């Protein structure tokens, strides 16, 4: 077929060609409910945290050490105008210091009682997690982790920041 020379006929021809070669959208009647999580790494372990529990993901601030505090307390910092405790998740869970690289970030938690941030090795961004891809953890060994989700072909622990900050282990921060 020849290409029309008239502008209006040319536009109609483009429309017909596009429709003839278009691939349709996949058709599915099922819509799966999902929630959003931040995928991060601490101490070599990838983990998830519900996005609703994270106020911000920021570069690590300058911190002041606290004498007599546990080793997993990185220090105090002024974050967004609030005095914020910075906690090293890798050291808290795995007794390994967080990697200090250009990829290191802090997860500023939403907490109504106090300002708290968690130093992690790296954040990989936000993931959509289907509710059907979750299950309870059989052997709970990480404080604040009661569930896991199948994400990117592996079971990843889901860290509940509220449960972590309410735990006795977390609240007992003095060495």
C-alpha atoms as a PDB file:
ATOM      1  CA  UNK A   1       0.000   0.000   0.000  1.00  0.00           C
ATOM      2  CA  UNK A   2       1.213   3.473  -0.792  1.00  0.00           C
ATOM      3  CA  UNK A   3       1.486   6.239   1.747  1.00  0.00           C
ATOM      4  CA  UNK A   4      -1.188   8.934   1.283  1.00  0.00           C
ATOM      5  CA  UNK A   5      -0.022  12.430   0.360  1.00  0.00           C
ATOM      6  CA  UNK A   6      -2.949  14.299   1.888  1.00  0.00           C
ATOM      7  CA  UNK A   7      -2.275  15.157   5.608  1.00  0.00           C
ATOM      8  CA  UNK A   8      -5.659  13.953   6.879  1.00  0.00           C
ATOM      9  CA  UNK A   9      -5.476  10.673   4.937  1.00  0.00           C
ATOM     10  CA  UNK A  10      -1.888  10.244   6.176  1.00  0.00           C
ATOM     11  CA  UNK A  11      -3.021  10.486   9.821  1.00  0.00           C
ATOM     12  CA  UNK A  12      -5.799   7.959   9.178  1.00  0.00           C
ATOM     13  CA  UNK A  13      -3.268   5.652   7.510  1.00  0.00           C
ATOM     14  CA  UNK A  14      -0.927   5.925  10.573  1.00  0.00           C
ATOM     15  CA  UNK A  15      -3.853   5.111  12.861  1.00  0.00           C
ATOM     16  CA  UNK A  16      -4.780   2.036  10.814  1.00  0.00           C
ATOM     17  CA  UNK A  17      -1.158   0.821  10.673  1.00  0.00           C
ATOM     18  CA  UNK A  18      -0.706   1.278  14.420  1.00  0.00           C
ATOM     19  CA  UNK A  19      -3.926  -0.611  15.164  1.00  0.00           C
ATOM     20  CA  UNK A  20      -2.935  -3.430  12.800  1.00  0.00           C
ATOM     21  CA  UNK A  21       0.433  -3.936  14.515  1.00  0.00           C
ATOM     22  CA  UNK A  22      -0.560  -3.195  18.130  1.00  0.00           C
ATOM     23  CA  UNK A  23      -0.104  -5.819  20.813  1.00  0.00           C
ATOM     24  CA  UNK A  24      -2.925  -5.808  23.318  1.00  0.00           C
ATOM     25  CA  UNK A  25      -2.558  -5.487  27.045  1.00  0.00           C
ATOM     26  CA  UNK A  26      -2.642  -8.729  28.999  1.00  0.00           C
ATOM     27  CA  UNK A  27      -6.145  -9.536  30.111  1.00  0.00           C
ATOM     28  CA  UNK A  28      -6.660 -10.627  33.662  1.00  0.00           C
ATOM     29  CA  UNK A  29      -9.699 -10.432  35.864  1.00  0.00           C
ATOM     30  CA  UNK A  30      -7.605 -10.966  38.974  1.00  0.00           C
ATOM     31  CA  UNK A  31      -6.154  -7.975  40.760  1.00  0.00           C
ATOM     32  CA  UNK A  32      -3.717  -8.893  43.505  1.00  0.00           C
ATOM     33  CA  UNK A  33      -3.556  -6.711  46.601  1.00  0.00           C
ATOM     34  CA  UNK A  34      -0.056  -5.472  47.381  1.00  0.00           C
ATOM     35  CA  UNK A  35       1.779  -3.310  49.891  1.00  0.00           C
ATOM     36  CA  UNK A  36       4.956  -1.259  49.466  1.00  0.00           C
ATOM     37  CA  UNK A  37       8.257  -2.042  51.133  1.00  0.00           C
ATOM     38  CA  UNK A  38      11.778  -0.638  51.110  1.00  0.00           C
ATOM     39  CA  UNK A  39      14.319  -3.301  50.143  1.00  0.00           C
ATOM     40  CA  UNK A  40      17.641  -2.803  51.933  1.00  0.00           C
ATOM     41  CA  UNK A  41      20.769  -4.669  53.017  1.00  0.00           C
ATOM     42  CA  UNK A  42      22.277  -4.780  56.507  1.00  0.00           C
ATOM     43  CA  UNK A  43      25.166  -7.053  57.448  1.00  0.00           C
ATOM     44  CA  UNK A  44      24.982  -8.859  54.111  1.00  0.00           C
ATOM     45  CA  UNK A  45      21.291  -9.764  54.636  1.00  0.00           C
ATOM     46  CA  UNK A  46      18.634  -8.299  52.366  1.00  0.00           C
ATOM     47  CA  UNK A  47      15.497  -7.304  54.254  1.00  0.00           C
ATOM     48  CA  UNK A  48      12.217  -5.455  53.750  1.00  0.00           C
ATOM     49  CA  UNK A  49      10.609  -2.747  55.853  1.00  0.00           C
ATOM     50  CA  UNK A  50       7.062  -1.482  55.215  1.00  0.00           C
ATOM     51  CA  UNK A  51       7.237   1.902  53.488  1.00  0.00           C
ATOM     52  CA  UNK A  52       4.502   3.188  55.799  1.00  0.00           C
ATOM     53  CA  UNK A  53       6.964   2.876  58.727  1.00  0.00           C
ATOM     54  CA  UNK A  54       9.701   4.925  57.017  1.00  0.00           C
ATOM     55  CA  UNK A  55       9.597   8.709  57.157  1.00  0.00           C
ATOM     56  CA  UNK A  56      12.638   9.248  54.921  1.00  0.00           C
ATOM     57  CA  UNK A  57      15.715   7.577  53.416  1.00  0.00           C
ATOM     58  CA  UNK A  58      18.702   9.876  53.867  1.00  0.00           C
ATOM     59  CA  UNK A  59      22.499   9.853  53.664  1.00  0.00           C
ATOM     60  CA  UNK A  60      24.139   9.123  57.033  1.00  0.00           C
ATOM     61  CA  UNK A  61      24.420  12.339  59.081  1.00  0.00           C
ATOM     62  CA  UNK A  62      27.355  13.435  61.194  1.00  0.00           C
ATOM     63  CA  UNK A  63      26.937  11.588  64.492  1.00  0.00           C
ATOM     64  CA  UNK A  64      28.148  12.139  68.032  1.00  0.00           C
ATOM     65  CA  UNK A  65      29.049   8.944  69.942  1.00  0.00           C
ATOM     66  CA  UNK A  66      27.305   8.270  73.244  1.00  0.00           C
ATOM     67  CA  UNK A  67      29.677   7.164  76.017  1.00  0.00           C
ATOM     68  CA  UNK A  68      28.594   3.922  77.684  1.00  0.00           C
ATOM     69  CA  UNK A  69      26.097   2.989  74.962  1.00  0.00           C
ATOM     70  CA  UNK A  70      25.948  -0.425  73.311  1.00  0.00           C
ATOM     71  CA  UNK A  71      28.145  -0.940  70.256  1.00  0.00           C
ATOM     72  CA  UNK A  72      25.148  -0.963  67.896  1.00  0.00           C
ATOM     73  CA  UNK A  73      24.275   2.624  68.778  1.00  0.00           C
ATOM     74  CA  UNK A  74      26.097   4.688  66.180  1.00  0.00           C
ATOM     75  CA  UNK A  75      25.328   7.960  67.972  1.00  0.00           C
ATOM     76  CA  UNK A  76      23.081  10.997  68.013  1.00  0.00           C
ATOM     77  CA  UNK A  77      22.472  13.370  65.129  1.00  0.00           C
ATOM     78  CA  UNK A  78      20.357  16.364  64.271  1.00  0.00           C
ATOM     79  CA  UNK A  79      17.976  15.115  61.585  1.00  0.00           C
ATOM     80  CA  UNK A  80      15.254  17.412  60.315  1.00  0.00           C
ATOM     81  CA  UNK A  81      15.615  19.578  63.403  1.00  0.00           C
ATOM     82  CA  UNK A  82      15.195  16.713  65.883  1.00  0.00           C
ATOM     83  CA  UNK A  83      17.784  14.993  68.053  1.00  0.00           C
ATOM     84  CA  UNK A  84      17.760  11.482  66.574  1.00  0.00           C
ATOM     85  CA  UNK A  85      19.303   8.249  67.785  1.00  0.00           C
ATOM     86  CA  UNK A  86      21.182   6.455  64.994  1.00  0.00           C
ATOM     87  CA  UNK A  87      21.276   2.641  65.300  1.00  0.00           C
ATOM     88  CA  UNK A  88      23.494   0.337  63.253  1.00  0.00           C
ATOM     89  CA  UNK A  89      21.231  -2.551  62.140  1.00  0.00           C
ATOM     90  CA  UNK A  90      24.121  -4.744  60.955  1.00  0.00           C
ATOM     91  CA  UNK A  91      25.806  -4.507  64.348  1.00  0.00           C
ATOM     92  CA  UNK A  92      22.474  -4.933  66.205  1.00  0.00           C
ATOM     93  CA  UNK A  93      21.525  -8.131  64.344  1.00  0.00           C
ATOM     94  CA  UNK A  94      24.791  -9.658  63.140  1.00  0.00           C
ATOM     95  CA  UNK A  95      27.543  -8.065  65.292  1.00  0.00           C
ATOM     96  CA  UNK A  96      29.078  -6.636  62.093  1.00  0.00           C
ATOM     97  CA  UNK A  97      29.617  -2.906  61.589  1.00  0.00           C
ATOM     98  CA  UNK A  98      27.591  -1.348  58.771  1.00  0.00           C
ATOM     99  CA  UNK A  99      29.501  -0.835  55.547  1.00  0.00           C
ATOM    100  CA  UNK A 100      30.505   2.805  55.262  1.00  0.00           C
ATOM    101  CA  UNK A 101      30.232   3.416  51.511  1.00  0.00           C
ATOM    102  CA  UNK A 102      28.635   5.998  49.285  1.00  0.00           C
ATOM    103  CA  UNK A 103      25.592   3.692  49.168  1.00  0.00           C
ATOM    104  CA  UNK A 104      25.053   3.700  52.953  1.00  0.00           C
ATOM    105  CA  UNK A 105      21.804   5.318  54.078  1.00  0.00           C
ATOM    106  CA  UNK A 106      19.716   5.776  57.189  1.00  0.00           C
ATOM    107  CA  UNK A 107      16.050   4.843  57.357  1.00  0.00           C
ATOM    108  CA  UNK A 108      14.336   7.526  59.430  1.00  0.00           C
ATOM    109  CA  UNK A 109      11.502   5.740  61.208  1.00  0.00           C
ATOM    110  CA  UNK A 110       8.025   7.068  61.883  1.00  0.00           C
ATOM    111  CA  UNK A 111       7.801   6.871  65.647  1.00  0.00           C
ATOM    112  CA  UNK A 112       5.488   9.010  67.746  1.00  0.00           C
ATOM    113  CA  UNK A 113       7.506   8.687  70.987  1.00  0.00           C
ATOM    114  CA  UNK A 114      11.052   9.513  69.842  1.00  0.00           C
ATOM    115  CA  UNK A 115      13.105  10.167  66.735  1.00  0.00           C
ATOM    116  CA  UNK A 116      15.066   7.121  65.576  1.00  0.00           C
ATOM    117  CA  UNK A 117      17.032   6.217  62.430  1.00  0.00           C
ATOM    118  CA  UNK A 118      18.640   2.964  61.322  1.00  0.00           C
ATOM    119  CA  UNK A 119      21.966   2.849  59.502  1.00  0.00           C
ATOM    120  CA  UNK A 120      21.944   0.256  56.698  1.00  0.00           C
ATOM    121  CA  UNK A 121      24.518  -0.805  54.119  1.00  0.00           C
ATOM    122  CA  UNK A 122      22.362   0.044  51.124  1.00  0.00           C
ATOM    123  CA  UNK A 123      18.797   0.720  49.993  1.00  0.00           C
ATOM    124  CA  UNK A 124      17.552  -0.875  46.772  1.00  0.00           C
ATOM    125  CA  UNK A 125      14.356   1.142  46.520  1.00  0.00           C
ATOM    126  CA  UNK A 126      10.678   0.375  46.826  1.00  0.00           C
ATOM    127  CA  UNK A 127       9.099  -2.973  45.964  1.00  0.00           C
ATOM    128  CA  UNK A 128       5.458  -3.999  45.563  1.00  0.00           C
ATOM    129  CA  UNK A 129       4.867  -7.051  47.744  1.00  0.00           C
ATOM    130  CA  UNK A 130       1.718  -9.131  47.205  1.00  0.00           C
ATOM    131  CA  UNK A 131      -0.030 -10.028  50.452  1.00  0.00           C
ATOM    132  CA  UNK A 132      -0.171 -13.592  49.137  1.00  0.00           C
ATOM    133  CA  UNK A 133       3.664 -13.698  49.047  1.00  0.00           C
ATOM    134  CA  UNK A 134       3.960 -13.376  52.851  1.00  0.00           C
ATOM    135  CA  UNK A 135       4.190 -15.994  55.560  1.00  0.00           C
ATOM    136  CA  UNK A 136       5.040 -16.092  59.264  1.00  0.00           C
ATOM    137  CA  UNK A 137       8.662 -16.877  60.074  1.00  0.00           C
ATOM    138  CA  UNK A 138       9.036 -20.367  61.468  1.00  0.00           C
ATOM    139  CA  UNK A 139      12.136 -19.670  63.578  1.00  0.00           C
ATOM    140  CA  UNK A 140      12.113 -16.100  64.907  1.00  0.00           C
ATOM    141  CA  UNK A 141      15.713 -15.099  65.607  1.00  0.00           C
ATOM    142  CA  UNK A 142      15.753 -11.402  64.635  1.00  0.00           C
ATOM    143  CA  UNK A 143      14.034  -8.954  66.992  1.00  0.00           C
ATOM    144  CA  UNK A 144      11.155  -7.183  65.224  1.00  0.00           C
ATOM    145  CA  UNK A 145      10.994  -9.728  62.381  1.00  0.00           C
ATOM    146  CA  UNK A 146       7.920 -11.956  62.518  1.00  0.00           C
ATOM    147  CA  UNK A 147       7.084 -12.370  58.831  1.00  0.00           C
ATOM    148  CA  UNK A 148       8.886 -12.901  55.546  1.00  0.00           C
ATOM    149  CA  UNK A 149       7.968 -12.344  51.904  1.00  0.00           C
ATOM    150  CA  UNK A 150       8.912 -13.971  48.604  1.00  0.00           C
ATOM    151  CA  UNK A 151      10.613 -11.142  46.703  1.00  0.00           C
ATOM    152  CA  UNK A 152      13.055 -11.453  43.811  1.00  0.00           C
ATOM    153  CA  UNK A 153      13.182 -15.262  44.054  1.00  0.00           C
ATOM    154  CA  UNK A 154      13.998 -15.556  47.755  1.00  0.00           C
ATOM    155  CA  UNK A 155      12.336 -15.331  51.165  1.00  0.00           C
ATOM    156  CA  UNK A 156      13.265 -11.999  52.751  1.00  0.00           C
ATOM    157  CA  UNK A 157      12.599 -11.038  56.383  1.00  0.00           C
ATOM    158  CA  UNK A 158      10.152  -8.173  56.948  1.00  0.00           C
ATOM    159  CA  UNK A 159      11.403  -5.826  59.650  1.00  0.00           C
ATOM    160  CA  UNK A 160       8.660  -4.194  61.704  1.00  0.00           C
ATOM    161  CA  UNK A 161      10.261  -0.997  63.028  1.00  0.00           C
ATOM    162  CA  UNK A 162       7.519  -0.498  65.631  1.00  0.00           C
ATOM    163  CA  UNK A 163       8.079  -3.990  67.074  1.00  0.00           C
ATOM    164  CA  UNK A 164      11.851  -3.448  67.038  1.00  0.00           C
ATOM    165  CA  UNK A 165      11.752  -0.099  68.854  1.00  0.00           C
ATOM    166  CA  UNK A 166       9.324  -1.480  71.462  1.00  0.00           C
ATOM    167  CA  UNK A 167      11.470  -4.548  72.233  1.00  0.00           C
ATOM    168  CA  UNK A 168      13.359  -4.868  75.523  1.00  0.00           C
ATOM    169  CA  UNK A 169      16.604  -5.562  73.664  1.00  0.00           C
ATOM    170  CA  UNK A 170      16.312  -2.265  71.774  1.00  0.00           C
ATOM    171  CA  UNK A 171      15.179  -0.220  74.772  1.00  0.00           C
ATOM    172  CA  UNK A 172      18.105  -1.492  76.894  1.00  0.00           C
ATOM    173  CA  UNK A 173      20.714   0.554  75.024  1.00  0.00           C
ATOM    174  CA  UNK A 174      23.122   1.220  77.879  1.00  0.00           C
ATOM    175  CA  UNK A 175      26.140  -1.111  77.998  1.00  0.00           C
END
